[in-house]
Amino acid sequence: MGMVGGGRDAFIGPVHRMAAGLDGLIELVCGAFSADADKSRASGADLFLPADRCYGSWTEMLRSERALPEDRRLDFVSIVTPNHLHFPIATAALDAGFHVVCDKPMTVSLTEARTLADKVEESGLLFALTHNYTGYPLVKEARHRVAAGELGTIRKVVVEYPQGWLATALEEGGHKQADWRTDPARAGVSCCMGDIGTHAENLSEYVTGLQIEELCADLSTFLAGRRLDDDGSVLLRFDNGARGVLHASQVSIDEENALAIRVYGDRGGLEWRQEEPNTLLLKWPDRPREVLRTSGPTLSAEAAFNTRLPMGHPEGFIEAFANLYRNFALTLDAQRRGVEPRPEWSDFPTVHDGVRGMAFLEAVVRNSAGEEKWSRLG
C-alpha cells in the first residue's frame, strides 16, 4: 500500500494504517503524507519507511512507483486527504495502473463521481470506498436478516448520526479537522451532510438493500459565519415504497459518534447502534425482542466471517475498518491469481456506492436550497 495524506497531526490516516495492517495482509511501503514536502518526508520517517520512498508529492509517488519493478512497486493507493483531492489522485492512480482505496465522500460532485466510476470500469482495477461502518459484523447480520426476508417487506427506515464536536467555531482557532471540513474549497458543497450524513445514507441502503429515490431536505448552519451546514434532516422515499427519516448533526452537544439505524418491516424490526456495536436487536410483534451478540451461535456466515474474537471481547471501529481492507486485499489477491473471489471477500463499498453518495448529497443540498418539496436523486 502507498498512502496519500495521513501525515503528522492527521486523524483518519493513522486509522487507515492501523486497519490495513491488522490482518498482516497489507504492508505500507511508501507515501506522500502531506502537501508540504518536508512534512511528508518527516511523516514517512516517523513510520520507519526508507527515505527514497517518502515522497514530497503524490505526483512524484505515482511516477516513481510506476518506474519500479513490478515486484517492488506499490499495489494500491490509499487516499486519506481532504475531499477535493480524492478525484484527481484517484484518477491519476488508476491511469498509472494502481488499484485504489479512497476515503468518503468519493468526490466533491456527482459529475466527478460518474467520471471516476466510468474510469474504474474501463480500467478493470479495484476501487474500494471506506464507508467503514458497513464492516461491523452485526451490520452485516442486519443486512443478512433483511435480505432473508425475516422482517418482511420494509416499511420504515430511521437512521441518524449526531455529533457535537462542531457546536463551537473550532475552525476559527485553527483546528485542523474543523478547518478543512467547513471550507467549501476543500470539503465541497456540504460539511455535516457530506462528512457524516453520507455514512447514514450508505448504511440505510446497505442494510436494507433498497435505494433512496426521492428526498425532502432541511439543512441548517447554526454558527454565524460558518460557510457550510452543521445540521440536517431529510425525509426519504425508497424504491420499494418504504419511507425513511435521516438526521445528521455536528452541533448536538455531548453526542460523540451516535450513528444508529432502525428498520421496520411488516413482520419485524431491527436496531443497531455504533456506540454499542456488538449488539443487534430484533423486534417481533408476537414475542419478546431478541438480543444478538457478536460471535453468537446463531449469526450468519457473513457476520461470522467478519468477526475476529470470541464472545464477550469487544470489536469496534478499527476492526470494522480492517474488515474492508482485508476483504479488499483478498479480492485483489484473487484477481491477481486469476480466480473468482469468494462472495464474502467482495463485500466492501465500491465506486458505485460513491456515486450513490454524491447523488444523495447533491439532491439534499439542491432540495434544501430550492422550492420543490421532493427531489429525485440525480
Protein backbone atom coordinates (compact mmCIF):
# COMPACT_ATOMS: atom_id res chain seq x y z
CA MET A 1 0.00 0.00 0.00
CA GLY A 2 1.06 3.54 -0.77
CA MET A 3 -0.73 6.31 1.13
CA VAL A 4 -1.58 9.86 0.09
CA GLY A 5 -2.32 12.09 3.10
CA GLY A 6 -2.37 10.97 6.71
CA GLY A 7 0.82 12.68 7.88
CA ARG A 8 1.67 14.20 11.23
CA ASP A 9 -1.38 15.52 13.13
CA ALA A 10 -3.83 13.74 10.81
CA PHE A 11 -6.83 11.87 12.24
CA ILE A 12 -8.07 9.41 9.65
CA GLY A 13 -4.73 8.44 8.08
CA PRO A 14 -3.45 6.60 11.17
CA VAL A 15 -6.82 4.83 11.45
CA HIS A 16 -6.43 3.57 7.88
CA ARG A 17 -2.88 2.39 8.58
CA MET A 18 -3.90 0.52 11.73
CA ALA A 19 -6.83 -1.09 9.95
CA ALA A 20 -4.82 -2.06 6.88
CA GLY A 21 -2.14 -3.69 8.99
CA LEU A 22 -4.39 -5.57 11.39
CA ASP A 23 -4.53 -8.85 9.48
CA GLY A 24 -0.95 -8.89 8.22
CA LEU A 25 -2.09 -8.91 4.58
CA ILE A 26 -1.08 -5.35 3.69
CA GLU A 27 2.24 -3.57 4.09
CA LEU A 28 2.70 0.19 3.90
CA VAL A 29 5.67 0.64 1.56
CA CYS A 30 5.58 4.32 0.58
CA GLY A 31 3.65 7.52 0.89
CA ALA A 32 3.13 11.18 0.16
CA PHE A 33 1.74 12.13 3.53
CA SER A 34 1.34 15.90 3.25
CA ALA A 35 1.10 18.72 0.74
CA ASP A 36 4.20 20.08 2.49
CA ALA A 37 7.11 18.08 1.07
CA ASP A 38 9.24 18.34 4.21
CA LYS A 39 6.35 17.30 6.43
CA SER A 40 5.58 14.42 4.10
CA ARG A 41 9.12 13.06 4.29
CA ALA A 42 9.25 13.55 8.05
CA SER A 43 5.94 11.71 8.42
CA GLY A 44 7.32 8.81 6.40
CA ALA A 45 10.40 8.71 8.60
CA ASP A 46 8.11 8.53 11.65
CA LEU A 47 6.75 5.32 10.14
CA PHE A 48 10.24 3.88 9.51
CA LEU A 49 9.86 3.96 5.74
CA PRO A 50 13.05 4.17 3.64
CA ALA A 51 13.88 7.73 2.67
CA ASP A 52 13.67 7.03 -1.06
CA ARG A 53 10.02 6.02 -0.68
CA CYS A 54 8.93 9.03 1.38
CA TYR A 55 7.78 11.30 -1.39
CA GLY A 56 7.36 15.06 -1.48
CA SER A 57 4.13 14.90 -3.52
CA TRP A 58 1.60 12.36 -4.70
CA THR A 59 2.52 13.01 -8.33
CA GLU A 60 6.12 12.14 -7.51
CA MET A 61 4.98 9.00 -5.72
CA LEU A 62 2.90 7.71 -8.62
CA ARG A 63 5.60 8.49 -11.17
CA SER A 64 8.42 6.94 -9.14
CA GLU A 65 6.49 3.86 -8.06
CA ARG A 66 5.37 3.19 -11.63
CA ALA A 67 9.03 3.13 -12.66
CA LEU A 68 9.93 0.44 -10.12
CA PRO A 69 9.96 -3.28 -10.99
CA GLU A 70 6.53 -4.84 -10.59
CA ASP A 71 7.57 -6.92 -7.58
CA ARG A 72 8.73 -3.78 -5.71
CA ARG A 73 6.20 -1.10 -6.59
CA LEU A 74 3.03 -0.43 -4.62
CA ASP A 75 -0.09 -2.41 -5.50
CA PHE A 76 -2.74 0.07 -4.44
CA VAL A 77 -3.09 3.66 -3.28
CA SER A 78 -4.94 4.61 -0.11
CA ILE A 79 -6.31 8.17 -0.36
CA VAL A 80 -6.92 9.87 3.00
CA THR A 81 -6.80 13.55 2.00
CA PRO A 82 -9.44 16.28 2.24
CA ASN A 83 -12.33 15.71 -0.17
CA HIS A 84 -11.27 17.99 -3.03
CA LEU A 85 -8.19 15.87 -3.74
CA HIS A 86 -9.93 12.49 -3.92
CA PHE A 87 -10.87 12.73 -7.60
CA PRO A 88 -7.56 13.93 -9.09
CA ILE A 89 -5.49 11.47 -7.05
CA ALA A 90 -7.78 8.50 -7.73
CA THR A 91 -7.89 9.31 -11.43
CA ALA A 92 -4.10 9.59 -11.66
CA ALA A 93 -3.61 6.38 -9.68
CA LEU A 94 -5.92 4.44 -11.98
CA ASP A 95 -4.18 5.92 -15.03
CA ALA A 96 -0.88 4.68 -13.57
CA GLY A 97 -2.34 1.17 -13.23
CA PHE A 98 -2.80 1.15 -9.46
CA HIS A 99 -5.85 -0.08 -7.55
CA VAL A 100 -7.46 2.44 -5.16
CA VAL A 101 -8.92 2.62 -1.67
CA CYS A 102 -10.48 6.05 -1.08
CA ASP A 103 -11.99 7.78 1.91
CA LYS A 104 -15.51 9.19 1.63
CA PRO A 105 -17.20 11.18 0.21
CA MET A 106 -15.66 9.91 -3.01
CA THR A 107 -15.60 13.25 -4.84
CA VAL A 108 -16.94 16.78 -4.49
CA SER A 109 -19.53 16.50 -7.29
CA LEU A 110 -21.77 13.95 -8.93
CA THR A 111 -20.14 14.70 -12.28
CA GLU A 112 -16.74 13.76 -10.87
CA ALA A 113 -18.21 10.65 -9.26
CA ARG A 114 -19.69 9.40 -12.52
CA THR A 115 -16.48 10.15 -14.41
CA LEU A 116 -14.50 8.20 -11.81
CA ALA A 117 -16.93 5.27 -11.98
CA ASP A 118 -16.50 5.11 -15.75
CA LYS A 119 -12.72 5.12 -15.36
CA VAL A 120 -12.82 2.31 -12.81
CA GLU A 121 -15.00 0.22 -15.13
CA GLU A 122 -12.73 0.88 -18.12
CA SER A 123 -9.55 0.10 -16.17
CA GLY A 124 -10.69 -3.21 -14.67
CA LEU A 125 -8.95 -2.15 -11.46
CA LEU A 126 -10.38 -2.49 -7.95
CA PHE A 127 -11.78 0.52 -6.13
CA ALA A 128 -12.96 0.48 -2.52
CA LEU A 129 -14.68 3.32 -0.67
CA THR A 130 -14.22 3.34 3.09
CA HIS A 131 -17.75 3.53 4.40
CA ASN A 132 -16.28 1.68 7.35
CA TYR A 133 -19.48 1.19 9.34
CA THR A 134 -20.56 -1.49 6.88
CA GLY A 135 -17.62 -3.53 8.20
CA TYR A 136 -19.17 -4.22 11.60
CA PRO A 137 -20.21 -7.88 11.96
CA LEU A 138 -23.68 -7.07 13.25
CA VAL A 139 -24.31 -4.57 10.46
CA LYS A 140 -23.67 -7.47 8.11
CA GLU A 141 -26.00 -9.59 10.23
CA ALA A 142 -28.68 -6.91 9.94
CA ARG A 143 -28.27 -6.88 6.17
CA HIS A 144 -28.50 -10.69 6.11
CA ARG A 145 -31.72 -10.72 8.16
CA VAL A 146 -33.38 -8.18 5.87
CA ALA A 147 -32.24 -9.99 2.71
CA ALA A 148 -33.51 -13.30 4.09
CA GLY A 149 -36.98 -11.78 4.43
CA GLU A 150 -37.19 -12.16 8.20
CA LEU A 151 -38.55 -8.60 8.61
CA GLY A 152 -40.90 -8.96 5.66
CA THR A 153 -41.49 -6.02 3.34
CA ILE A 154 -39.59 -2.99 4.61
CA ARG A 155 -41.86 -0.07 5.51
CA LYS A 156 -39.80 2.36 7.58
CA VAL A 157 -36.10 3.25 7.97
CA VAL A 158 -34.84 5.63 10.66
CA VAL A 159 -31.13 6.45 10.56
CA GLU A 160 -29.24 9.12 12.48
CA TYR A 161 -25.71 10.36 13.08
CA PRO A 162 -25.47 13.09 15.74
CA GLN A 163 -22.15 14.54 16.88
CA GLY A 164 -21.38 17.60 19.00
CA TRP A 165 -17.79 18.46 18.14
CA LEU A 166 -18.64 21.46 15.93
CA ALA A 167 -21.03 23.07 18.41
CA THR A 168 -18.45 25.86 18.73
CA ALA A 169 -16.44 27.58 15.99
CA LEU A 170 -13.36 25.36 16.23
CA GLU A 171 -12.31 26.38 12.74
CA GLU A 172 -11.66 29.92 13.93
CA GLY A 173 -8.98 28.65 16.31
CA GLY A 174 -7.01 26.76 13.70
CA HIS A 175 -8.40 23.28 14.48
CA LYS A 176 -7.13 21.25 11.51
CA GLN A 177 -10.08 18.88 11.12
CA ALA A 178 -12.67 21.63 11.57
CA ASP A 179 -10.80 24.00 9.26
CA TRP A 180 -10.95 21.92 6.10
CA ARG A 181 -14.35 20.36 6.77
CA THR A 182 -16.01 23.78 6.96
CA ASP A 183 -14.17 25.12 3.89
CA PRO A 184 -16.18 24.77 0.64
CA ALA A 185 -12.97 24.77 -1.41
CA ARG A 186 -11.76 21.59 0.29
CA ALA A 187 -14.90 19.89 1.66
CA GLY A 188 -17.23 20.53 -1.27
CA VAL A 189 -20.89 21.51 -1.10
CA SER A 190 -21.54 20.26 2.44
CA CYS A 191 -19.89 19.85 5.82
CA CYS A 192 -22.20 17.87 8.10
CA MET A 193 -24.21 16.03 5.48
CA GLY A 194 -21.12 15.32 3.39
CA ASP A 195 -18.99 14.23 6.34
CA ILE A 196 -21.41 12.05 8.32
CA GLY A 197 -24.79 12.24 6.58
CA THR A 198 -23.36 10.19 3.72
CA HIS A 199 -22.45 7.47 6.24
CA ALA A 200 -26.08 7.37 7.32
CA GLU A 201 -27.28 7.27 3.71
CA ASN A 202 -24.87 4.46 2.88
CA LEU A 203 -25.82 2.47 5.98
CA SER A 204 -29.53 2.72 5.18
CA GLU A 205 -29.05 1.40 1.65
CA TYR A 206 -26.53 -1.27 2.69
CA VAL A 207 -28.67 -2.77 5.45
CA THR A 208 -31.99 -2.67 3.59
CA GLY A 209 -30.78 -3.43 0.07
CA LEU A 210 -33.07 -0.59 -1.05
CA GLN A 211 -32.20 2.64 -2.84
CA ILE A 212 -33.32 6.15 -1.98
CA GLU A 213 -35.38 7.53 -4.87
CA GLU A 214 -36.62 10.88 -3.54
CA LEU A 215 -35.91 13.13 -0.60
CA CYS A 216 -37.05 16.30 1.14
CA ALA A 217 -34.23 18.05 3.00
CA ASP A 218 -33.67 20.84 5.51
CA LEU A 219 -30.03 21.88 6.05
CA SER A 220 -29.02 24.37 8.71
CA THR A 221 -25.93 26.35 9.65
CA PHE A 222 -26.29 27.37 13.28
CA LEU A 223 -22.96 29.09 13.84
CA ALA A 224 -22.73 32.59 12.42
CA GLY A 225 -20.03 32.89 9.78
CA ARG A 226 -19.76 29.16 9.14
CA ARG A 227 -19.87 28.61 5.39
CA LEU A 228 -21.32 25.11 5.25
CA ASP A 229 -24.10 23.20 7.00
CA ASP A 230 -23.61 21.82 10.50
CA ASP A 231 -27.01 20.09 10.86
CA GLY A 232 -29.58 18.49 8.60
CA SER A 233 -32.80 16.46 8.48
CA VAL A 234 -34.02 14.53 5.45
CA LEU A 235 -37.24 12.68 4.65
CA LEU A 236 -36.61 9.68 2.40
CA ARG A 237 -38.62 7.67 -0.10
CA PHE A 238 -37.15 4.29 -1.08
CA ASP A 239 -37.61 2.40 -4.32
CA ASN A 240 -39.96 -0.21 -2.78
CA GLY A 241 -42.28 2.46 -1.35
CA ALA A 242 -40.73 2.47 2.13
CA ARG A 243 -40.39 5.78 3.94
CA GLY A 244 -37.44 6.99 5.98
CA VAL A 245 -36.00 9.73 8.16
CA LEU A 246 -32.32 10.66 8.17
CA HIS A 247 -30.86 13.06 10.73
CA ALA A 248 -27.24 14.21 10.90
CA SER A 249 -25.82 16.88 13.17
CA GLN A 250 -22.43 18.13 14.31
CA VAL A 251 -23.84 20.63 16.81
CA SER A 252 -25.68 18.17 19.08
CA ILE A 253 -23.83 18.87 22.30
CA ASP A 254 -22.41 15.86 24.20
CA GLU A 255 -23.04 13.45 21.32
CA GLU A 256 -19.97 11.55 20.18
CA ASN A 257 -20.45 9.24 17.17
CA ALA A 258 -24.01 8.10 17.74
CA LEU A 259 -24.71 6.54 14.36
CA ALA A 260 -27.79 4.32 14.66
CA ILE A 261 -30.31 2.62 12.40
CA ARG A 262 -33.77 1.16 12.92
CA VAL A 263 -35.55 -0.79 10.19
CA TYR A 264 -39.18 -1.89 10.34
CA GLY A 265 -40.93 -4.35 8.05
CA ASP A 266 -44.40 -5.85 8.11
CA ARG A 267 -43.12 -8.88 10.06
CA GLY A 268 -40.48 -7.43 12.37
CA GLY A 269 -37.85 -4.79 13.02
CA LEU A 270 -34.21 -4.36 13.98
CA GLU A 271 -31.99 -1.81 15.68
CA TRP A 272 -28.19 -1.29 15.72
CA ARG A 273 -26.12 1.45 17.35
CA GLN A 274 -22.49 2.21 16.54
CA GLU A 275 -21.62 3.17 20.11
CA GLU A 276 -22.64 -0.36 21.18
CA PRO A 277 -21.70 -2.21 18.00
CA ASN A 278 -21.63 -5.75 19.37
CA THR A 279 -25.41 -5.81 19.94
CA LEU A 280 -28.21 -6.14 17.38
CA LEU A 281 -31.84 -6.04 18.47
CA LEU A 282 -34.51 -7.96 16.58
CA LYS A 283 -38.10 -6.90 17.29
CA TRP A 284 -41.21 -9.01 16.75
CA PRO A 285 -44.99 -8.43 17.02
CA ASP A 286 -45.71 -11.71 18.81
CA ARG A 287 -42.72 -12.46 21.04
CA PRO A 288 -40.05 -10.68 23.08
CA ARG A 289 -37.27 -8.92 21.27
CA GLU A 290 -34.08 -10.88 20.62
CA VAL A 291 -30.62 -9.64 21.58
CA LEU A 292 -27.93 -10.88 19.22
CA ARG A 293 -24.29 -10.53 20.18
CA THR A 294 -21.11 -10.66 18.11
CA SER A 295 -19.78 -14.25 17.85
CA GLY A 296 -23.16 -15.63 18.90
CA PRO A 297 -24.05 -19.15 17.76
CA THR A 298 -26.97 -18.07 15.56
CA LEU A 299 -25.15 -15.50 13.44
CA SER A 300 -24.96 -15.75 9.67
CA ALA A 301 -21.86 -16.80 7.75
CA GLU A 302 -21.41 -13.18 6.62
CA ALA A 303 -21.28 -11.89 10.19
CA ALA A 304 -19.10 -14.76 11.38
CA PHE A 305 -16.54 -14.19 8.62
CA ASN A 306 -16.12 -10.59 9.76
CA THR A 307 -15.78 -11.45 13.45
CA ARG A 308 -12.30 -11.95 14.91
CA LEU A 309 -12.76 -12.52 18.64
CA PRO A 310 -14.71 -14.89 20.92
CA MET A 311 -17.92 -13.71 22.57
CA GLY A 312 -17.50 -11.04 25.22
CA HIS A 313 -14.43 -9.46 23.65
CA PRO A 314 -15.40 -6.14 22.09
CA GLU A 315 -14.70 -5.43 18.45
CA GLY A 316 -15.04 -1.85 17.30
CA PHE A 317 -14.10 0.92 14.92
CA ILE A 318 -10.63 -0.30 13.92
CA GLU A 319 -11.79 -3.87 13.35
CA ALA A 320 -14.72 -2.70 11.19
CA PHE A 321 -12.32 -0.60 9.13
CA ALA A 322 -9.94 -3.57 8.94
CA ASN A 323 -12.67 -5.80 7.51
CA LEU A 324 -12.90 -3.53 4.47
CA TYR A 325 -9.14 -3.57 3.94
CA ARG A 326 -8.91 -7.33 4.46
CA ASN A 327 -11.75 -8.06 2.06
CA PHE A 328 -10.21 -5.69 -0.50
CA ALA A 329 -6.82 -7.40 -0.14
CA LEU A 330 -8.30 -10.89 -0.51
CA THR A 331 -10.27 -9.82 -3.59
CA LEU A 332 -7.19 -8.19 -5.11
CA ASP A 333 -5.11 -11.31 -4.45
CA ALA A 334 -7.76 -13.49 -6.08
CA GLN A 335 -7.89 -11.19 -9.09
CA ARG A 336 -4.13 -11.35 -9.50
CA ARG A 337 -4.18 -15.15 -9.27
CA GLY A 338 -6.96 -15.33 -11.86
CA VAL A 339 -9.51 -16.96 -9.55
CA GLU A 340 -13.01 -15.93 -8.59
CA PRO A 341 -13.08 -14.23 -5.17
CA ARG A 342 -15.42 -15.66 -2.57
CA PRO A 343 -18.61 -13.56 -2.19
CA GLU A 344 -17.72 -12.51 1.35
CA TRP A 345 -14.37 -11.12 0.15
CA SER A 346 -16.10 -8.75 -2.27
CA ASP A 347 -18.30 -7.31 0.46
CA PHE A 348 -16.88 -3.80 0.61
CA PRO A 349 -18.22 -0.45 -0.67
CA THR A 350 -17.28 0.31 -4.27
CA VAL A 351 -17.18 3.23 -6.67
CA HIS A 352 -20.89 2.74 -7.27
CA ASP A 353 -21.60 3.44 -3.59
CA GLY A 354 -19.58 6.62 -4.07
CA VAL A 355 -21.83 7.67 -6.95
CA ARG A 356 -24.90 6.97 -4.80
CA GLY A 357 -23.43 9.11 -2.02
CA MET A 358 -22.79 12.08 -4.28
CA ALA A 359 -26.24 11.78 -5.88
CA PHE A 360 -27.73 11.85 -2.39
CA LEU A 361 -25.59 14.77 -1.26
CA GLU A 362 -26.29 16.97 -4.29
CA ALA A 363 -30.03 16.23 -4.05
CA VAL A 364 -30.02 17.20 -0.35
CA VAL A 365 -28.24 20.50 -1.00
CA ARG A 366 -30.40 21.29 -4.03
CA ASN A 367 -33.66 20.44 -2.27
CA SER A 368 -32.83 22.34 0.90
CA ALA A 369 -32.00 25.50 -1.06
CA GLY A 370 -34.87 25.22 -3.55
CA GLU A 371 -38.64 25.42 -3.59
CA GLU A 372 -39.59 21.91 -4.68
CA LYS A 373 -40.98 19.64 -1.98
CA TRP A 374 -39.36 16.43 -3.23
CA SER A 375 -36.19 15.94 -5.28
CA ARG A 376 -35.17 12.80 -7.12
CA LEU A 377 -31.60 11.59 -6.85
CA GLY A 378 -29.71 12.55 -10.00
